[in-house]
Structure formats: C-alpha cells, structure tokens
C-alpha atoms as a PDB file:
ATOM      1  CA  MET A   1       4.411  15.987 -10.635  1.00  0.00           C
ATOM      2  CA  ILE A   2       5.443  13.236 -13.028  1.00  0.00           C
ATOM      3  CA  ILE A   3       9.018  12.939 -14.260  1.00  0.00           C
ATOM      4  CA  ASP A   4       9.368  11.514 -17.766  1.00  0.00           C
ATOM      5  CA  ASP A   5      12.990  10.294 -17.519  1.00  0.00           C
ATOM      6  CA  PHE A   6      11.878   6.645 -17.361  1.00  0.00           C
ATOM      7  CA  PRO A   7       8.953   6.055 -19.768  1.00  0.00           C
ATOM      8  CA  ARG A   8       9.128   2.292 -19.295  1.00  0.00           C
ATOM      9  CA  ASP A   9       8.523   2.747 -15.557  1.00  0.00           C
ATOM     10  CA  LEU A  10       5.625   5.106 -16.295  1.00  0.00           C
ATOM     11  CA  LEU A  11       4.046   2.535 -18.607  1.00  0.00           C
ATOM     12  CA  MET A  12       4.418  -0.163 -15.947  1.00  0.00           C
ATOM     13  CA  THR A  13       2.885   2.240 -13.437  1.00  0.00           C
ATOM     14  CA  GLY A  14      -0.081   2.610 -15.778  1.00  0.00           C
ATOM     15  CA  ALA A  15      -0.435  -1.169 -16.032  1.00  0.00           C
ATOM     16  CA  ILE A  16      -0.083  -1.778 -12.292  1.00  0.00           C
ATOM     17  CA  PHE A  17      -2.351   1.109 -11.319  1.00  0.00           C
ATOM     18  CA  GLY A  18      -4.881  -0.061 -13.916  1.00  0.00           C
ATOM     19  CA  ILE A  19      -4.971  -3.510 -12.349  1.00  0.00           C
ATOM     20  CA  ALA A  20      -5.150  -1.960  -8.872  1.00  0.00           C
ATOM     21  CA  THR A  21      -8.065   0.228 -10.004  1.00  0.00           C
ATOM     22  CA  PHE A  22      -9.852  -2.882 -11.272  1.00  0.00           C
ATOM     23  CA  VAL A  23      -9.211  -4.715  -7.979  1.00  0.00           C
ATOM     24  CA  TRP A  24     -10.296  -1.873  -5.672  1.00  0.00           C
ATOM     25  CA  ALA A  25     -13.418  -1.104  -7.716  1.00  0.00           C
ATOM     26  CA  GLY A  26     -14.217  -4.823  -7.602  1.00  0.00           C
ATOM     27  CA  TRP A  27     -13.714  -5.074  -3.841  1.00  0.00           C
ATOM     28  CA  ALA A  28     -15.970  -2.030  -3.460  1.00  0.00           C
ATOM     29  CA  GLN A  29     -18.791  -4.115  -4.975  1.00  0.00           C
ATOM     30  CA  GLU A  30     -18.904  -6.093  -1.700  1.00  0.00           C
ATOM     31  CA  ARG A  31     -21.744  -3.928  -0.375  1.00  0.00           C
ATOM     32  CA  PRO A  32     -22.124  -0.523  -1.998  1.00  0.00           C
ATOM     33  CA  PRO A  33     -24.999   1.826  -1.131  1.00  0.00           C
ATOM     34  CA  LYS A  34     -28.335   0.510  -2.356  1.00  0.00           C
ATOM     35  CA  HIS A  35     -28.821   2.886  -5.309  1.00  0.00           C
ATOM     36  CA  TRP A  36     -27.897   1.227  -8.631  1.00  0.00           C
ATOM     37  CA  ILE A  37     -25.765   4.184  -9.737  1.00  0.00           C
ATOM     38  CA  TRP A  38     -22.950   3.087  -7.417  1.00  0.00           C
ATOM     39  CA  ARG A  39     -22.647  -0.256  -9.195  1.00  0.00           C
ATOM     40  CA  VAL A  40     -22.511   1.574 -12.523  1.00  0.00           C
ATOM     41  CA  VAL A  41     -19.784   3.916 -11.239  1.00  0.00           C
ATOM     42  CA  LEU A  42     -17.786   0.990  -9.846  1.00  0.00           C
ATOM     43  CA  GLY A  43     -18.260  -0.949 -13.095  1.00  0.00           C
ATOM     44  CA  ALA A  44     -17.021   2.043 -15.103  1.00  0.00           C
ATOM     45  CA  LEU A  45     -13.978   2.348 -12.828  1.00  0.00           C
ATOM     46  CA  SER A  46     -13.279  -1.388 -13.252  1.00  0.00           C
ATOM     47  CA  LEU A  47     -13.513  -1.109 -17.025  1.00  0.00           C
ATOM     48  CA  GLY A  48     -11.298   1.976 -16.973  1.00  0.00           C
ATOM     49  CA  GLY A  49      -8.696   0.129 -14.935  1.00  0.00           C
ATOM     50  CA  ALA A  50      -8.792  -2.896 -17.232  1.00  0.00           C
ATOM     51  CA  ALA A  51      -8.490  -0.650 -20.300  1.00  0.00           C
ATOM     52  CA  LEU A  52      -5.563   1.228 -18.773  1.00  0.00           C
ATOM     53  CA  ALA A  53      -3.767  -2.034 -18.026  1.00  0.00           C
ATOM     54  CA  GLY A  54      -4.572  -3.306 -21.522  1.00  0.00           C
ATOM     55  CA  ILE A  55      -3.059  -0.204 -23.118  1.00  0.00           C
ATOM     56  CA  SER A  56      -0.078   0.234 -20.790  1.00  0.00           C
ATOM     57  CA  LEU A  57       1.230  -3.303 -20.452  1.00  0.00           C
ATOM     58  CA  PRO A  58       1.849  -4.030 -24.153  1.00  0.00           C
ATOM     59  CA  ALA A  59       3.509  -0.611 -24.503  1.00  0.00           C
ATOM     60  CA  ALA A  60       5.717  -1.358 -21.479  1.00  0.00           C
ATOM     61  CA  ILE A  61       6.732  -4.677 -23.014  1.00  0.00           C
ATOM     62  CA  ARG A  62       7.551  -2.974 -26.334  1.00  0.00           C
ATOM     63  CA  ASN A  63       9.722  -0.453 -24.440  1.00  0.00           C
ATOM     64  CA  TRP A  64      11.294  -2.901 -21.989  1.00  0.00           C
ATOM     65  CA  ASP A  65      14.813  -2.057 -23.143  1.00  0.00           C
ATOM     66  CA  GLY A  66      14.260   1.605 -22.252  1.00  0.00           C
ATOM     67  CA  PRO A  67      15.788   3.270 -19.208  1.00  0.00           C
ATOM     68  CA  THR A  68      14.455   2.393 -15.757  1.00  0.00           C
ATOM     69  CA  ALA A  69      14.956   3.799 -12.280  1.00  0.00           C
ATOM     70  CA  ILE A  70      15.577   0.277 -10.991  1.00  0.00           C
ATOM     71  CA  VAL A  71      18.943  -1.239 -11.740  1.00  0.00           C
ATOM     72  CA  TRP A  72      18.988  -4.707 -10.238  1.00  0.00           C
ATOM     73  CA  GLY A  73      21.678  -5.015  -7.627  1.00  0.00           C
ATOM     74  CA  GLY A  74      21.616  -1.286  -6.897  1.00  0.00           C
ATOM     75  CA  ALA A  75      20.134   0.688  -4.026  1.00  0.00           C
ATOM     76  CA  ALA A  76      16.788   1.250  -5.790  1.00  0.00           C
ATOM     77  CA  SER A  77      16.183  -2.454  -6.370  1.00  0.00           C
ATOM     78  CA  THR A  78      17.134  -3.268  -2.779  1.00  0.00           C
ATOM     79  CA  TRP A  79      14.702  -0.658  -1.469  1.00  0.00           C
ATOM     80  CA  TYR A  80      12.006  -1.934  -3.828  1.00  0.00           C
ATOM     81  CA  ILE A  81      12.370  -5.482  -2.530  1.00  0.00           C
ATOM     82  CA  VAL A  82      12.431  -4.330   1.111  1.00  0.00           C
ATOM     83  CA  VAL A  83       9.330  -2.152   0.680  1.00  0.00           C
ATOM     84  CA  PHE A  84       7.493  -4.926  -1.193  1.00  0.00           C
ATOM     85  CA  TRP A  85       8.145  -7.541   1.501  1.00  0.00           C
ATOM     86  CA  LEU A  86       7.334  -5.131   4.331  1.00  0.00           C
ATOM     87  CA  GLU A  87       4.026  -4.476   2.585  1.00  0.00           C
ATOM     88  CA  VAL A  88       3.259  -8.191   2.227  1.00  0.00           C
ATOM     89  CA  VAL A  89       4.107  -8.933   5.872  1.00  0.00           C
ATOM     90  CA  ALA A  90       2.140  -5.900   7.125  1.00  0.00           C
ATOM     91  CA  ILE A  91      -0.956  -6.800   5.104  1.00  0.00           C
ATOM     92  CA  ALA A  92      -0.875 -10.438   6.225  1.00  0.00           C
ATOM     93  CA  GLY A  93      -0.291  -9.480   9.851  1.00  0.00           C
ATOM     94  CA  LEU A  94      -3.021  -6.842   9.887  1.00  0.00           C
ATOM     95  CA  ALA A  95      -5.512  -9.172   8.190  1.00  0.00           C
ATOM     96  CA  ILE A  96      -4.812 -11.853  10.792  1.00  0.00           C
ATOM     97  CA  TRP A  97      -5.105  -9.266  13.589  1.00  0.00           C
ATOM     98  CA  ALA A  98      -8.444  -7.951  12.259  1.00  0.00           C
ATOM     99  CA  THR A  99      -9.809 -11.467  11.832  1.00  0.00           C
ATOM    100  CA  ARG A 100      -8.821 -12.520  15.348  1.00  0.00           C
ATOM    101  CA  ARG A 101     -10.474  -9.369  16.733  1.00  0.00           C
ATOM    102  CA  LYS A 102     -13.596 -10.199  14.698  1.00  0.00           C
ATOM    103  CA  ARG A 103     -13.140  -6.921  12.792  1.00  0.00           C
ATOM    104  CA  GLN A 104     -12.996  -8.231   9.240  1.00  0.00           C
ATOM    105  CA  ASP A 105     -14.716  -4.970   8.262  1.00  0.00           C
ATOM    106  CA  LEU A 106     -11.342  -3.285   8.827  1.00  0.00           C
ATOM    107  CA  ILE A 107      -9.370  -5.508   6.450  1.00  0.00           C
ATOM    108  CA  ALA A 108      -9.994  -3.356   3.358  1.00  0.00           C
ATOM    109  CA  PRO A 109      -9.049  -0.064   5.081  1.00  0.00           C
ATOM    110  CA  LEU A 110      -5.958  -1.656   6.634  1.00  0.00           C
ATOM    111  CA  VAL A 111      -4.845  -3.090   3.303  1.00  0.00           C
ATOM    112  CA  LEU A 112      -5.491   0.240   1.588  1.00  0.00           C
ATOM    113  CA  ALA A 113      -3.516   2.103   4.264  1.00  0.00           C
ATOM    114  CA  VAL A 114      -0.519  -0.192   3.773  1.00  0.00           C
ATOM    115  CA  VAL A 115      -0.790   0.199  -0.011  1.00  0.00           C
ATOM    116  CA  GLY A 116      -0.938   3.975   0.353  1.00  0.00           C
ATOM    117  CA  ILE A 117       1.958   4.130   2.793  1.00  0.00           C
ATOM    118  CA  HIS A 118       4.113   1.914   0.571  1.00  0.00           C
ATOM    119  CA  PHE A 119       3.801   4.401  -2.304  1.00  0.00           C
ATOM    120  CA  ILE A 120       5.613   7.046  -0.273  1.00  0.00           C
ATOM    121  CA  PRO A 121       9.081   5.410  -0.186  1.00  0.00           C
ATOM    122  CA  LEU A 122       8.532   4.153  -3.737  1.00  0.00           C
ATOM    123  CA  ALA A 123       8.355   7.804  -4.823  1.00  0.00           C
ATOM    124  CA  TRP A 124      12.108   7.945  -4.165  1.00  0.00           C
ATOM    125  CA  VAL A 125      12.833   4.478  -5.525  1.00  0.00           C
ATOM    126  CA  PHE A 126      11.167   5.270  -8.874  1.00  0.00           C
ATOM    127  CA  VAL A 127      12.002   8.997  -8.855  1.00  0.00           C
ATOM    128  CA  GLN A 128       8.288   9.826  -9.144  1.00  0.00           C
ATOM    129  CA  PRO A 129       6.931  12.435  -6.707  1.00  0.00           C
ATOM    130  CA  VAL A 130       3.400  11.619  -7.870  1.00  0.00           C
ATOM    131  CA  PHE A 131       3.676   8.306  -5.980  1.00  0.00           C
ATOM    132  CA  ALA A 132       3.966  10.205  -2.695  1.00  0.00           C
ATOM    133  CA  ILE A 133       0.911  12.301  -3.564  1.00  0.00           C
ATOM    134  CA  ALA A 134      -1.081   9.204  -4.493  1.00  0.00           C
ATOM    135  CA  GLY A 135       0.133   7.469  -1.335  1.00  0.00           C
ATOM    136  CA  VAL A 136      -0.987  10.281   0.938  1.00  0.00           C
ATOM    137  CA  LEU A 137      -4.406  10.554  -0.757  1.00  0.00           C
ATOM    138  CA  VAL A 138      -5.013   6.800  -0.681  1.00  0.00           C
ATOM    139  CA  THR A 139      -3.921   6.578   2.963  1.00  0.00           C
ATOM    140  CA  ILE A 140      -6.285   9.399   3.932  1.00  0.00           C
ATOM    141  CA  GLY A 141      -9.043   7.511   2.114  1.00  0.00           C
ATOM    142  CA  ALA A 142      -8.209   4.387   4.121  1.00  0.00           C
ATOM    143  CA  VAL A 143      -8.397   6.269   7.418  1.00  0.00           C
ATOM    144  CA  VAL A 144     -11.741   7.813   6.470  1.00  0.00           C
ATOM    145  CA  ALA A 145     -13.063   4.400   5.364  1.00  0.00           C
ATOM    146  CA  ALA A 146     -12.076   2.918   8.721  1.00  0.00           C
ATOM    147  CA  LEU A 147     -13.928   5.672  10.587  1.00  0.00           C
ATOM    148  CA  VAL A 148     -17.174   6.094   8.642  1.00  0.00           C
ATOM    149  CA  PRO A 149     -20.204   4.107   9.806  1.00  0.00           C
ATOM    150  CA  ASP A 150     -20.630   0.944   7.764  1.00  0.00           C
ATOM    151  CA  LYS A 151     -24.420   0.734   7.850  1.00  0.00           C
ATOM    152  CA  ALA A 152     -25.111   2.266   4.408  1.00  0.00           C
ATOM    153  CA  ALA A 153     -22.151   0.558   2.712  1.00  0.00           C
ATOM    154  CA  ALA A 154     -19.245  -1.721   3.535  1.00  0.00           C
ATOM    155  CA  ARG A 155     -15.923  -0.153   4.421  1.00  0.00           C
ATOM    156  CA  SER A 156     -14.520  -1.835   1.308  1.00  0.00           C
ATOM    157  CA  PHE A 157     -16.906   0.331  -0.741  1.00  0.00           C
ATOM    158  CA  TRP A 158     -15.465   3.507   0.773  1.00  0.00           C
ATOM    159  CA  CYS A 159     -11.947   2.244   0.130  1.00  0.00           C
ATOM    160  CA  GLY A 160     -12.689   1.417  -3.491  1.00  0.00           C
ATOM    161  CA  ILE A 161     -14.693   4.521  -4.322  1.00  0.00           C
ATOM    162  CA  VAL A 162     -11.771   6.649  -3.085  1.00  0.00           C
ATOM    163  CA  ALA A 163      -8.775   4.565  -4.210  1.00  0.00           C
ATOM    164  CA  ALA A 164      -9.965   3.485  -7.665  1.00  0.00           C
ATOM    165  CA  PRO A 165     -10.311   6.993  -9.149  1.00  0.00           C
ATOM    166  CA  ILE A 166      -7.010   8.122  -7.605  1.00  0.00           C
ATOM    167  CA  LEU A 167      -5.154   5.114  -8.977  1.00  0.00           C
ATOM    168  CA  LEU A 168      -6.867   5.423 -12.361  1.00  0.00           C
ATOM    169  CA  ALA A 169      -6.049   9.129 -12.657  1.00  0.00           C
ATOM    170  CA  VAL A 170      -2.399   8.704 -11.643  1.00  0.00           C
ATOM    171  CA  GLY A 171      -1.939   5.617 -13.813  1.00  0.00           C
ATOM    172  CA  ALA A 172      -3.558   7.262 -16.836  1.00  0.00           C
ATOM    173  CA  SER A 173      -1.464  10.402 -16.347  1.00  0.00           C
ATOM    174  CA  CYS A 174       1.735   8.348 -16.147  1.00  0.00           C
ATOM    175  CA  THR A 175       0.752   6.442 -19.288  1.00  0.00           C
ATOM    176  CA  LEU A 176      -0.041   9.592 -21.251  1.00  0.00           C
ATOM    177  CA  ILE A 177       3.261  11.194 -20.273  1.00  0.00           C
ATOM    178  CA  ALA A 178       5.105   7.984 -21.161  1.00  0.00           C
ATOM    179  CA  PHE A 179       3.505   7.890 -24.617  1.00  0.00           C
ATOM    180  CA  ARG A 180       4.677  11.454 -25.201  1.00  0.00           C
ATOM    181  CA  ALA A 181       8.194  10.539 -24.050  1.00  0.00           C
ATOM    182  CA  VAL A 182       8.701   7.387 -26.152  1.00  0.00           C
END
C-alpha cells in the first residue's frame, strides 16, 4: 500500500532505495555461491538500483517544493531524527559487538535487521504503510541470513540477495506512483 499524497517523498524513497539496492547487491558480492549466475544477478540488481536512483533523484529535486510528510520542527521531523540516530548508534554498537566476539560474519545480518526495523516507525513518519511491509520482509531476511550456514556463501550474500530485490521493488513502485501523481 503506497499513498500518493506526497510525491516528493515517494521520489526520494525511490532514490534512497535505489542507492540501498546498489549497496546491498554490492555487499552480497563478498562471497556469493560459486556459480557465475549469482554475480550476474547481483550485477543486474546493482544496475537496477543505480538506474532507479538516477531516475528518482533528479525528479525529486525538480519537485522539491511539493508537499512532504516531514515539516521541520514538527513531530514527524523529530521522530525522523530520533529513528535515524538510534539506527546509527545500533549499527555501530552491533558491529563493535560482533567484531569483539570474532563474529564479523554477523555484521551484515545485524545491519540489515536494524535497517529493516527502522523502516517500521518510518512508515508512520512518512505516512507510507509500504515501509512497514518492506521493514518486516527485510528483517525476516536478516534473521534467515544470520541462521543459514555460511559455507556455500557469505551471510552478506544472503542479506543482499533478499534485501536488494525488496528495496528495488518498493523503490520502483514508489517512483512509478510518484510520476503518476506529479
């Protein structure tokens, strides 16, 4: 469910999710399964994410004066800042914890879990229920990636192969709906 009241926010979502797709597909290249097809799939996801960002960001800039769910100084902007900084602190703390425990293999799933969880409150901040859906799906992917054996592929591969298509699909959907609304 995507609400088209704030096309500018939807375009920024497309840009941010495009960049996130590119990043997660790139991190998944750390150690994918041996068959070459996985590198092709990850490369296609990376290109898709870059293309989405390249289409969405200029459109967001052109529509920057449009309505937004975030009015600086209001409750939404305060929640946005709080959620952002909680995410940063949680990721840094969990990365340090995993490194000290000599479990660097868990860094990608932990980061992905925090990213997924942070989408849930942002669904209310941006008035976009699709963020909660994406957050739940990405978080489930992070949990699965933390639990699967990492002999055939790195845990970062499992994170990226799950998160990148989710982020790409949601970002592309938001962008398409925004283009219809502007």
